[in-house]
Amino acid sequence: VGIAFVLVLSVPSAIVTFFVAIPELAAKIG
């Protein structure tokens, strides 16, 4: 259950991390 839980929530965590840590990506998308 723990592995499934973390895997499912790793997608929104990655989205947050990419957009916040890489400002160029956020600027490119808008």
PDB file of all heavy atoms in Angstrom:
ATOM      1  N   VAL A   1       0.833  -1.206   0.000  1.00  0.00           N
ATOM      2  CA  VAL A   1       0.000   0.000   0.000  1.00  0.00           C
ATOM      3  C   VAL A   1       0.867   1.255   0.000  1.00  0.00           C
ATOM      4  O   VAL A   1       0.580   2.221  -0.712  1.00  0.00           O
ATOM      5  CB  VAL A   1      -0.972  -0.015   1.202  1.00  0.00           C
ATOM      6  CG1 VAL A   1      -1.666   1.320   1.367  1.00  0.00           C
ATOM      7  CG2 VAL A   1      -1.992  -1.122   1.045  1.00  0.00           C
ATOM      8  N   GLY A   2       1.939   1.239   0.773  1.00  0.00           N
ATOM      9  CA  GLY A   2       2.837   2.394   0.818  1.00  0.00           C
ATOM     10  C   GLY A   2       3.495   2.680  -0.514  1.00  0.00           C
ATOM     11  O   GLY A   2       3.579   3.832  -0.941  1.00  0.00           O
ATOM     12  N   ILE A   3       3.955   1.637  -1.179  1.00  0.00           N
ATOM     13  CA  ILE A   3       4.582   1.822  -2.490  1.00  0.00           C
ATOM     14  C   ILE A   3       3.563   2.364  -3.493  1.00  0.00           C
ATOM     15  O   ILE A   3       3.852   3.293  -4.248  1.00  0.00           O
ATOM     16  CB  ILE A   3       5.209   0.505  -2.987  1.00  0.00           C
ATOM     17  CG1 ILE A   3       6.463   0.195  -2.183  1.00  0.00           C
ATOM     18  CG2 ILE A   3       5.545   0.576  -4.476  1.00  0.00           C
ATOM     19  CD1 ILE A   3       7.065  -1.163  -2.476  1.00  0.00           C
ATOM     20  N   ALA A   4       2.372   1.799  -3.510  1.00  0.00           N
ATOM     21  CA  ALA A   4       1.334   2.276  -4.431  1.00  0.00           C
ATOM     22  C   ALA A   4       0.972   3.727  -4.136  1.00  0.00           C
ATOM     23  O   ALA A   4       0.820   4.547  -5.059  1.00  0.00           O
ATOM     24  CB  ALA A   4       0.102   1.382  -4.337  1.00  0.00           C
ATOM     25  N   PHE A   5       0.853   4.060  -2.868  1.00  0.00           N
ATOM     26  CA  PHE A   5       0.500   5.420  -2.465  1.00  0.00           C
ATOM     27  C   PHE A   5       1.551   6.428  -2.920  1.00  0.00           C
ATOM     28  O   PHE A   5       1.236   7.459  -3.515  1.00  0.00           O
ATOM     29  CB  PHE A   5       0.327   5.453  -0.944  1.00  0.00           C
ATOM     30  CG  PHE A   5      -0.095   6.771  -0.393  1.00  0.00           C
ATOM     31  CD1 PHE A   5      -1.372   7.248  -0.612  1.00  0.00           C
ATOM     32  CD2 PHE A   5       0.779   7.532   0.365  1.00  0.00           C
ATOM     33  CE1 PHE A   5      -1.771   8.468  -0.094  1.00  0.00           C
ATOM     34  CE2 PHE A   5       0.392   8.746   0.887  1.00  0.00           C
ATOM     35  CZ  PHE A   5      -0.889   9.214   0.654  1.00  0.00           C
ATOM     36  N   VAL A   6       2.805   6.110  -2.682  1.00  0.00           N
ATOM     37  CA  VAL A   6       3.879   7.021  -3.066  1.00  0.00           C
ATOM     38  C   VAL A   6       4.000   7.107  -4.587  1.00  0.00           C
ATOM     39  O   VAL A   6       4.226   8.191  -5.136  1.00  0.00           O
ATOM     40  CB  VAL A   6       5.214   6.588  -2.414  1.00  0.00           C
ATOM     41  CG1 VAL A   6       6.387   7.352  -2.982  1.00  0.00           C
ATOM     42  CG2 VAL A   6       5.140   6.786  -0.908  1.00  0.00           C
ATOM     43  N   LEU A   7       3.830   5.997  -5.289  1.00  0.00           N
ATOM     44  CA  LEU A   7       3.905   6.027  -6.749  1.00  0.00           C
ATOM     45  C   LEU A   7       2.802   6.889  -7.354  1.00  0.00           C
ATOM     46  O   LEU A   7       3.051   7.665  -8.277  1.00  0.00           O
ATOM     47  CB  LEU A   7       3.838   4.608  -7.315  1.00  0.00           C
ATOM     48  CG  LEU A   7       5.114   3.793  -7.217  1.00  0.00           C
ATOM     49  CD1 LEU A   7       4.871   2.372  -7.721  1.00  0.00           C
ATOM     50  CD2 LEU A   7       6.251   4.438  -7.969  1.00  0.00           C
ATOM     51  N   VAL A   8       1.594   6.763  -6.836  1.00  0.00           N
ATOM     52  CA  VAL A   8       0.485   7.551  -7.373  1.00  0.00           C
ATOM     53  C   VAL A   8       0.721   9.045  -7.126  1.00  0.00           C
ATOM     54  O   VAL A   8       0.501   9.871  -8.010  1.00  0.00           O
ATOM     55  CB  VAL A   8      -0.858   7.094  -6.752  1.00  0.00           C
ATOM     56  CG1 VAL A   8      -1.964   8.075  -7.033  1.00  0.00           C
ATOM     57  CG2 VAL A   8      -1.224   5.715  -7.270  1.00  0.00           C
ATOM     58  N   LEU A   9       1.186   9.384  -5.943  1.00  0.00           N
ATOM     59  CA  LEU A   9       1.379  10.793  -5.624  1.00  0.00           C
ATOM     60  C   LEU A   9       2.720  11.350  -6.100  1.00  0.00           C
ATOM     61  O   LEU A   9       2.979  12.539  -5.934  1.00  0.00           O
ATOM     62  CB  LEU A   9       1.221  11.018  -4.125  1.00  0.00           C
ATOM     63  CG  LEU A   9      -0.214  10.910  -3.635  1.00  0.00           C
ATOM     64  CD1 LEU A   9      -0.288  11.170  -2.151  1.00  0.00           C
ATOM     65  CD2 LEU A   9      -1.118  11.870  -4.379  1.00  0.00           C
ATOM     66  N   SER A  10       3.559  10.522  -6.701  1.00  0.00           N
ATOM     67  CA  SER A  10       4.810  11.050  -7.233  1.00  0.00           C
ATOM     68  C   SER A  10       4.577  11.886  -8.488  1.00  0.00           C
ATOM     69  O   SER A  10       5.366  12.780  -8.786  1.00  0.00           O
ATOM     70  CB  SER A  10       5.800   9.927  -7.517  1.00  0.00           C
ATOM     71  OG  SER A  10       5.335   9.100  -8.551  1.00  0.00           O
ATOM     72  N   VAL A  11       3.486  11.634  -9.214  1.00  0.00           N
ATOM     73  CA  VAL A  11       3.192  12.417 -10.420  1.00  0.00           C
ATOM     74  C   VAL A  11       2.869  13.870 -10.066  1.00  0.00           C
ATOM     75  O   VAL A  11       3.508  14.785 -10.599  1.00  0.00           O
ATOM     76  CB  VAL A  11       2.060  11.759 -11.249  1.00  0.00           C
ATOM     77  CG1 VAL A  11       1.628  12.656 -12.392  1.00  0.00           C
ATOM     78  CG2 VAL A  11       2.507  10.406 -11.752  1.00  0.00           C
ATOM     79  N   PRO A  12       1.904  14.135  -9.156  1.00  0.00           N
ATOM     80  CA  PRO A  12       1.685  15.546  -8.814  1.00  0.00           C
ATOM     81  C   PRO A  12       2.887  16.174  -8.104  1.00  0.00           C
ATOM     82  O   PRO A  12       3.142  17.368  -8.262  1.00  0.00           O
ATOM     83  CB  PRO A  12       0.453  15.537  -7.907  1.00  0.00           C
ATOM     84  CG  PRO A  12       0.159  14.143  -7.590  1.00  0.00           C
ATOM     85  CD  PRO A  12       0.892  13.279  -8.548  1.00  0.00           C
ATOM     86  N   SER A  13       3.642  15.383  -7.365  1.00  0.00           N
ATOM     87  CA  SER A  13       4.841  15.919  -6.715  1.00  0.00           C
ATOM     88  C   SER A  13       5.875  16.337  -7.758  1.00  0.00           C
ATOM     89  O   SER A  13       6.542  17.364  -7.609  1.00  0.00           O
ATOM     90  CB  SER A  13       5.457  14.889  -5.779  1.00  0.00           C
ATOM     91  OG  SER A  13       4.570  14.561  -4.754  1.00  0.00           O
ATOM     92  N   ALA A  14       6.009  15.543  -8.807  1.00  0.00           N
ATOM     93  CA  ALA A  14       6.946  15.886  -9.878  1.00  0.00           C
ATOM     94  C   ALA A  14       6.493  17.139 -10.614  1.00  0.00           C
ATOM     95  O   ALA A  14       7.326  17.986 -10.978  1.00  0.00           O
ATOM     96  CB  ALA A  14       7.073  14.720 -10.855  1.00  0.00           C
ATOM     97  N   ILE A  15       5.189  17.279 -10.822  1.00  0.00           N
ATOM     98  CA  ILE A  15       4.673  18.485 -11.482  1.00  0.00           C
ATOM     99  C   ILE A  15       5.023  19.716 -10.669  1.00  0.00           C
ATOM    100  O   ILE A  15       5.515  20.717 -11.208  1.00  0.00           O
ATOM    101  CB  ILE A  15       3.152  18.361 -11.697  1.00  0.00           C
ATOM    102  CG1 ILE A  15       2.853  17.304 -12.759  1.00  0.00           C
ATOM    103  CG2 ILE A  15       2.548  19.702 -12.097  1.00  0.00           C
ATOM    104  CD1 ILE A  15       1.387  16.949 -12.885  1.00  0.00           C
ATOM    105  N   VAL A  16       4.775  19.658  -9.377  1.00  0.00           N
ATOM    106  CA  VAL A  16       5.105  20.797  -8.508  1.00  0.00           C
ATOM    107  C   VAL A  16       6.597  21.079  -8.557  1.00  0.00           C
ATOM    108  O   VAL A  16       7.023  22.232  -8.720  1.00  0.00           O
ATOM    109  CB  VAL A  16       4.653  20.518  -7.054  1.00  0.00           C
ATOM    110  CG1 VAL A  16       5.194  21.563  -6.109  1.00  0.00           C
ATOM    111  CG2 VAL A  16       3.147  20.457  -6.965  1.00  0.00           C
ATOM    112  N   THR A  17       7.391  20.053  -8.431  1.00  0.00           N
ATOM    113  CA  THR A  17       8.841  20.234  -8.405  1.00  0.00           C
ATOM    114  C   THR A  17       9.357  20.816  -9.715  1.00  0.00           C
ATOM    115  O   THR A  17      10.177  21.743  -9.708  1.00  0.00           O
ATOM    116  CB  THR A  17       9.539  18.889  -8.119  1.00  0.00           C
ATOM    117  OG1 THR A  17       9.031  18.369  -6.894  1.00  0.00           O
ATOM    118  CG2 THR A  17      11.032  19.062  -8.015  1.00  0.00           C
ATOM    119  N   PHE A  18       8.890  20.303 -10.831  1.00  0.00           N
ATOM    120  CA  PHE A  18       9.370  20.807 -12.124  1.00  0.00           C
ATOM    121  C   PHE A  18       9.002  22.265 -12.334  1.00  0.00           C
ATOM    122  O   PHE A  18       9.834  23.070 -12.736  1.00  0.00           O
ATOM    123  CB  PHE A  18       8.827  19.968 -13.279  1.00  0.00           C
ATOM    124  CG  PHE A  18       9.440  18.609 -13.389  1.00  0.00           C
ATOM    125  CD1 PHE A  18       8.711  17.544 -13.874  1.00  0.00           C
ATOM    126  CD2 PHE A  18      10.750  18.377 -13.007  1.00  0.00           C
ATOM    127  CE1 PHE A  18       9.272  16.285 -13.981  1.00  0.00           C
ATOM    128  CE2 PHE A  18      11.319  17.118 -13.101  1.00  0.00           C
ATOM    129  CZ  PHE A  18      10.575  16.074 -13.600  1.00  0.00           C
ATOM    130  N   PHE A  19       7.767  22.623 -12.078  1.00  0.00           N
ATOM    131  CA  PHE A  19       7.346  23.990 -12.339  1.00  0.00           C
ATOM    132  C   PHE A  19       7.959  24.999 -11.373  1.00  0.00           C
ATOM    133  O   PHE A  19       8.198  26.137 -11.741  1.00  0.00           O
ATOM    134  CB  PHE A  19       5.827  24.118 -12.305  1.00  0.00           C
ATOM    135  CG  PHE A  19       5.159  23.583 -13.543  1.00  0.00           C
ATOM    136  CD1 PHE A  19       4.017  22.830 -13.448  1.00  0.00           C
ATOM    137  CD2 PHE A  19       5.674  23.829 -14.792  1.00  0.00           C
ATOM    138  CE1 PHE A  19       3.389  22.330 -14.579  1.00  0.00           C
ATOM    139  CE2 PHE A  19       5.068  23.334 -15.930  1.00  0.00           C
ATOM    140  CZ  PHE A  19       3.924  22.584 -15.823  1.00  0.00           C
ATOM    141  N   VAL A  20       8.207  24.568 -10.139  1.00  0.00           N
ATOM    142  CA  VAL A  20       8.758  25.500  -9.160  1.00  0.00           C
ATOM    143  C   VAL A  20      10.281  25.574  -9.258  1.00  0.00           C
ATOM    144  O   VAL A  20      10.857  26.648  -9.158  1.00  0.00           O
ATOM    145  CB  VAL A  20       8.318  25.107  -7.733  1.00  0.00           C
ATOM    146  CG1 VAL A  20       8.992  25.944  -6.687  1.00  0.00           C
ATOM    147  CG2 VAL A  20       6.805  25.240  -7.598  1.00  0.00           C
ATOM    148  N   ALA A  21      10.932  24.438  -9.475  1.00  0.00           N
ATOM    149  CA  ALA A  21      12.395  24.419  -9.492  1.00  0.00           C
ATOM    150  C   ALA A  21      12.987  24.837 -10.833  1.00  0.00           C
ATOM    151  O   ALA A  21      14.135  25.261 -10.894  1.00  0.00           O
ATOM    152  CB  ALA A  21      12.902  23.029  -9.122  1.00  0.00           C
ATOM    153  N   ILE A  22      12.203  24.723 -11.900  1.00  0.00           N
ATOM    154  CA  ILE A  22      12.709  25.084 -13.232  1.00  0.00           C
ATOM    155  C   ILE A  22      11.843  26.214 -13.784  1.00  0.00           C
ATOM    156  O   ILE A  22      10.824  25.975 -14.457  1.00  0.00           O
ATOM    157  CB  ILE A  22      12.679  23.869 -14.190  1.00  0.00           C
ATOM    158  CG1 ILE A  22      13.392  22.682 -13.563  1.00  0.00           C
ATOM    159  CG2 ILE A  22      13.296  24.229 -15.532  1.00  0.00           C
ATOM    160  CD1 ILE A  22      13.230  21.387 -14.311  1.00  0.00           C
ATOM    161  N   PRO A  23      12.197  27.458 -13.497  1.00  0.00           N
ATOM    162  CA  PRO A  23      11.365  28.586 -13.942  1.00  0.00           C
ATOM    163  C   PRO A  23      11.234  28.685 -15.460  1.00  0.00           C
ATOM    164  O   PRO A  23      10.226  29.178 -15.966  1.00  0.00           O
ATOM    165  CB  PRO A  23      12.092  29.815 -13.383  1.00  0.00           C
ATOM    166  CG  PRO A  23      13.112  29.320 -12.438  1.00  0.00           C
ATOM    167  CD  PRO A  23      13.328  27.879 -12.714  1.00  0.00           C
ATOM    168  N   GLU A  24      12.242  28.199 -16.200  1.00  0.00           N
ATOM    169  CA  GLU A  24      12.168  28.258 -17.667  1.00  0.00           C
ATOM    170  C   GLU A  24      11.024  27.391 -18.193  1.00  0.00           C
ATOM    171  O   GLU A  24      10.373  27.736 -19.177  1.00  0.00           O
ATOM    172  CB  GLU A  24      13.494  27.802 -18.292  1.00  0.00           C
ATOM    173  CG  GLU A  24      14.674  28.687 -17.984  1.00  0.00           C
ATOM    174  CD  GLU A  24      15.311  28.391 -16.641  1.00  0.00           C
ATOM    175  OE1 GLU A  24      15.111  27.279 -16.092  1.00  0.00           O
ATOM    176  OE2 GLU A  24      16.012  29.278 -16.126  1.00  0.00           O
ATOM    177  N   LEU A  25      10.797  26.255 -17.543  1.00  0.00           N
ATOM    178  CA  LEU A  25       9.698  25.372 -17.940  1.00  0.00           C
ATOM    179  C   LEU A  25       8.357  26.057 -17.706  1.00  0.00           C
ATOM    180  O   LEU A  25       7.471  26.003 -18.568  1.00  0.00           O
ATOM    181  CB  LEU A  25       9.778  24.060 -17.167  1.00  0.00           C
ATOM    182  CG  LEU A  25       8.700  23.022 -17.464  1.00  0.00           C
ATOM    183  CD1 LEU A  25       8.793  22.552 -18.912  1.00  0.00           C
ATOM    184  CD2 LEU A  25       8.828  21.848 -16.522  1.00  0.00           C
ATOM    185  N   ALA A  26       8.226  26.701 -16.575  1.00  0.00           N
ATOM    186  CA  ALA A  26       6.982  27.423 -16.269  1.00  0.00           C
ATOM    187  C   ALA A  26       6.769  28.568 -17.245  1.00  0.00           C
ATOM    188  O   ALA A  26       5.640  28.808 -17.685  1.00  0.00           O
ATOM    189  CB  ALA A  26       7.023  27.940 -14.839  1.00  0.00           C
ATOM    190  N   ALA A  27       7.827  29.266 -17.610  1.00  0.00           N
ATOM    191  CA  ALA A  27       7.705  30.373 -18.557  1.00  0.00           C
ATOM    192  C   ALA A  27       7.339  29.868 -19.953  1.00  0.00           C
ATOM    193  O   ALA A  27       6.568  30.518 -20.665  1.00  0.00           O
ATOM    194  CB  ALA A  27       9.007  31.162 -18.604  1.00  0.00           C
ATOM    195  N   LYS A  28       7.869  28.718 -20.327  1.00  0.00           N
ATOM    196  CA  LYS A  28       7.595  28.157 -21.655  1.00  0.00           C
ATOM    197  C   LYS A  28       6.126  27.742 -21.788  1.00  0.00           C
ATOM    198  O   LYS A  28       5.506  27.936 -22.824  1.00  0.00           O
ATOM    199  CB  LYS A  28       8.519  26.960 -21.907  1.00  0.00           C
ATOM    200  CG  LYS A  28       8.555  26.514 -23.323  1.00  0.00           C
ATOM    201  CD  LYS A  28       9.644  25.479 -23.507  1.00  0.00           C
ATOM    202  CE  LYS A  28      10.035  25.438 -24.951  1.00  0.00           C
ATOM    203  NZ  LYS A  28      11.185  24.591 -25.196  1.00  0.00           N
ATOM    204  N   ILE A  29       5.587  27.150 -20.734  1.00  0.00           N
ATOM    205  CA  ILE A  29       4.195  26.701 -20.764  1.00  0.00           C
ATOM    206  C   ILE A  29       3.246  27.869 -20.549  1.00  0.00           C
ATOM    207  O   ILE A  29       2.135  27.875 -21.052  1.00  0.00           O
ATOM    208  CB  ILE A  29       3.981  25.595 -19.711  1.00  0.00           C
ATOM    209  CG1 ILE A  29       4.730  24.355 -20.161  1.00  0.00           C
ATOM    210  CG2 ILE A  29       2.522  25.305 -19.485  1.00  0.00           C
ATOM    211  CD1 ILE A  29       4.639  23.194 -19.243  1.00  0.00           C
ATOM    212  N   GLY A  30       3.669  28.836 -19.808  1.00  0.00           N
ATOM    213  CA  GLY A  30       2.833  29.980 -19.476  1.00  0.00           C
ATOM    214  C   GLY A  30       2.643  30.045 -17.977  1.00  0.00           C
ATOM    215  O   GLY A  30       2.420  29.014 -17.329  1.00  0.00           O
TER     216      GLY A  30
END
